[in-house]
Amino acid sequence: SYSYPMANESAPQAESKLSPIEVLRLERTKLTQDELAVRCGIPRSTYQRWIAGKTEAKLSLAQLKALGRELGIERLEDIPDDFSAR
């Protein structure tokens, strides 16, 4: 189980479980979930199901390229295997 501190909280015990893809979005962009989804051609509800672990992320090649571009991912190995929080 991975726990990541919230971006605006400084107390070490103030942690929330975020999906790996959400951590990348928060660390590398100023985009909201909606903005990232739109820029990548992914329906917002689909993106939210992915990060909640309700459905497995299955991206088209165009969506994968856009997601990599938006998150500054240069190598396929840097894309999380699972988008959901654990």
C-alpha atoms as a PDB file:
ATOM      1  CA  SER A   1       0.000   0.000   0.000  1.00  0.00           C
ATOM      2  CA  TYR A   2       1.445   3.314  -1.104  1.00  0.00           C
ATOM      3  CA  SER A   3       0.671   6.590   0.666  1.00  0.00           C
ATOM      4  CA  TYR A   4       1.681   9.957  -0.682  1.00  0.00           C
ATOM      5  CA  PRO A   5       1.520  13.270   1.214  1.00  0.00           C
ATOM      6  CA  MET A   6      -0.990  15.775  -0.049  1.00  0.00           C
ATOM      7  CA  ALA A   7       0.688  18.601  -1.956  1.00  0.00           C
ATOM      8  CA  ASN A   8      -0.483  21.378   0.379  1.00  0.00           C
ATOM      9  CA  GLU A   9      -0.053  19.609   3.716  1.00  0.00           C
ATOM     10  CA  SER A  10       3.188  19.842   5.649  1.00  0.00           C
ATOM     11  CA  ALA A  11       2.478  17.553   8.615  1.00  0.00           C
ATOM     12  CA  PRO A  12       4.133  14.147   8.038  1.00  0.00           C
ATOM     13  CA  GLN A  13       1.091  12.253   9.312  1.00  0.00           C
ATOM     14  CA  ALA A  14      -1.252  14.073   6.888  1.00  0.00           C
ATOM     15  CA  GLU A  15      -1.226  11.510   4.093  1.00  0.00           C
ATOM     16  CA  SER A  16      -3.752  10.307   1.577  1.00  0.00           C
ATOM     17  CA  LYS A  17      -3.614   7.408  -0.834  1.00  0.00           C
ATOM     18  CA  LEU A  18      -3.170   8.673  -4.364  1.00  0.00           C
ATOM     19  CA  SER A  19      -2.752   6.671  -7.516  1.00  0.00           C
ATOM     20  CA  PRO A  20       0.685   6.744  -9.153  1.00  0.00           C
ATOM     21  CA  ILE A  21      -0.723   8.576 -12.168  1.00  0.00           C
ATOM     22  CA  GLU A  22      -2.305  11.200  -9.884  1.00  0.00           C
ATOM     23  CA  VAL A  23       1.029  11.709  -8.138  1.00  0.00           C
ATOM     24  CA  LEU A  24       2.646  12.363 -11.528  1.00  0.00           C
ATOM     25  CA  ARG A  25      -0.150  14.783 -12.486  1.00  0.00           C
ATOM     26  CA  LEU A  26       0.246  16.737  -9.252  1.00  0.00           C
ATOM     27  CA  GLU A  27       4.056  16.729  -9.296  1.00  0.00           C
ATOM     28  CA  ARG A  28       4.593  17.528 -12.963  1.00  0.00           C
ATOM     29  CA  THR A  29       1.648  19.668 -14.030  1.00  0.00           C
ATOM     30  CA  LYS A  30      -0.758  22.319 -12.862  1.00  0.00           C
ATOM     31  CA  LEU A  31      -3.587  20.555 -14.677  1.00  0.00           C
ATOM     32  CA  THR A  32      -6.802  19.439 -13.041  1.00  0.00           C
ATOM     33  CA  GLN A  33      -8.035  15.896 -13.630  1.00  0.00           C
ATOM     34  CA  ASP A  34     -10.504  17.315 -16.146  1.00  0.00           C
ATOM     35  CA  GLU A  35      -7.846  19.267 -18.034  1.00  0.00           C
ATOM     36  CA  LEU A  36      -5.485  16.286 -18.215  1.00  0.00           C
ATOM     37  CA  ALA A  37      -8.257  13.984 -19.387  1.00  0.00           C
ATOM     38  CA  VAL A  38      -9.388  16.430 -22.104  1.00  0.00           C
ATOM     39  CA  ARG A  39      -5.831  17.001 -23.352  1.00  0.00           C
ATOM     40  CA  CYS A  40      -5.323  13.240 -23.583  1.00  0.00           C
ATOM     41  CA  GLY A  41      -8.670  12.465 -25.213  1.00  0.00           C
ATOM     42  CA  ILE A  42      -9.857  10.463 -22.206  1.00  0.00           C
ATOM     43  CA  PRO A  43     -13.367  10.894 -20.792  1.00  0.00           C
ATOM     44  CA  ARG A  44     -13.165  12.392 -17.289  1.00  0.00           C
ATOM     45  CA  SER A  45     -15.278   9.604 -15.813  1.00  0.00           C
ATOM     46  CA  THR A  46     -12.964   6.999 -17.355  1.00  0.00           C
ATOM     47  CA  TYR A  47      -9.888   8.693 -15.891  1.00  0.00           C
ATOM     48  CA  GLN A  48     -11.554   8.784 -12.480  1.00  0.00           C
ATOM     49  CA  ARG A  49     -12.448   5.082 -12.694  1.00  0.00           C
ATOM     50  CA  TRP A  50      -8.813   4.313 -13.555  1.00  0.00           C
ATOM     51  CA  ILE A  51      -7.364   6.155 -10.569  1.00  0.00           C
ATOM     52  CA  ALA A  52     -10.011   4.718  -8.233  1.00  0.00           C
ATOM     53  CA  GLY A  53      -9.136   1.192  -9.377  1.00  0.00           C
ATOM     54  CA  LYS A  54     -12.633   0.534 -10.690  1.00  0.00           C
ATOM     55  CA  THR A  55     -11.417  -0.248 -14.203  1.00  0.00           C
ATOM     56  CA  GLU A  56      -8.058  -1.076 -15.721  1.00  0.00           C
ATOM     57  CA  ALA A  57      -6.480   1.672 -17.793  1.00  0.00           C
ATOM     58  CA  LYS A  58      -6.580   0.741 -21.473  1.00  0.00           C
ATOM     59  CA  LEU A  59      -5.294   3.583 -23.587  1.00  0.00           C
ATOM     60  CA  SER A  60      -5.127   3.991 -27.327  1.00  0.00           C
ATOM     61  CA  LEU A  61      -1.697   4.782 -28.722  1.00  0.00           C
ATOM     62  CA  ALA A  62      -2.755   8.424 -29.244  1.00  0.00           C
ATOM     63  CA  GLN A  63      -3.941   8.661 -25.619  1.00  0.00           C
ATOM     64  CA  LEU A  64      -0.732   7.067 -24.354  1.00  0.00           C
ATOM     65  CA  LYS A  65       1.387   9.515 -26.351  1.00  0.00           C
ATOM     66  CA  ALA A  66      -0.656  12.473 -25.099  1.00  0.00           C
ATOM     67  CA  LEU A  67      -0.446  11.294 -21.494  1.00  0.00           C
ATOM     68  CA  GLY A  68       3.316  10.895 -21.789  1.00  0.00           C
ATOM     69  CA  ARG A  69       3.637  14.333 -23.328  1.00  0.00           C
ATOM     70  CA  GLU A  70       1.471  16.024 -20.672  1.00  0.00           C
ATOM     71  CA  LEU A  71       3.231  14.295 -17.770  1.00  0.00           C
ATOM     72  CA  GLY A  72       6.736  14.707 -19.176  1.00  0.00           C
ATOM     73  CA  ILE A  73       7.286  10.954 -19.464  1.00  0.00           C
ATOM     74  CA  GLU A  74      10.093  10.153 -21.868  1.00  0.00           C
ATOM     75  CA  ARG A  75      10.426   6.383 -21.420  1.00  0.00           C
ATOM     76  CA  LEU A  76       7.738   3.713 -21.383  1.00  0.00           C
ATOM     77  CA  GLU A  77       9.322   2.293 -18.230  1.00  0.00           C
ATOM     78  CA  ASP A  78       8.339   5.493 -16.386  1.00  0.00           C
ATOM     79  CA  ILE A  79       4.614   4.906 -16.951  1.00  0.00           C
ATOM     80  CA  PRO A  80       3.046   3.176 -13.927  1.00  0.00           C
ATOM     81  CA  ASP A  81       1.881  -0.400 -14.544  1.00  0.00           C
ATOM     82  CA  ASP A  82      -1.273   0.314 -12.551  1.00  0.00           C
ATOM     83  CA  PHE A  83      -2.983   3.712 -12.369  1.00  0.00           C
ATOM     84  CA  SER A  84      -5.030   2.962  -9.258  1.00  0.00           C
ATOM     85  CA  ALA A  85      -4.148   3.680  -5.626  1.00  0.00           C
ATOM     86  CA  ARG A  86      -3.119   0.625  -3.648  1.00  0.00           C
END
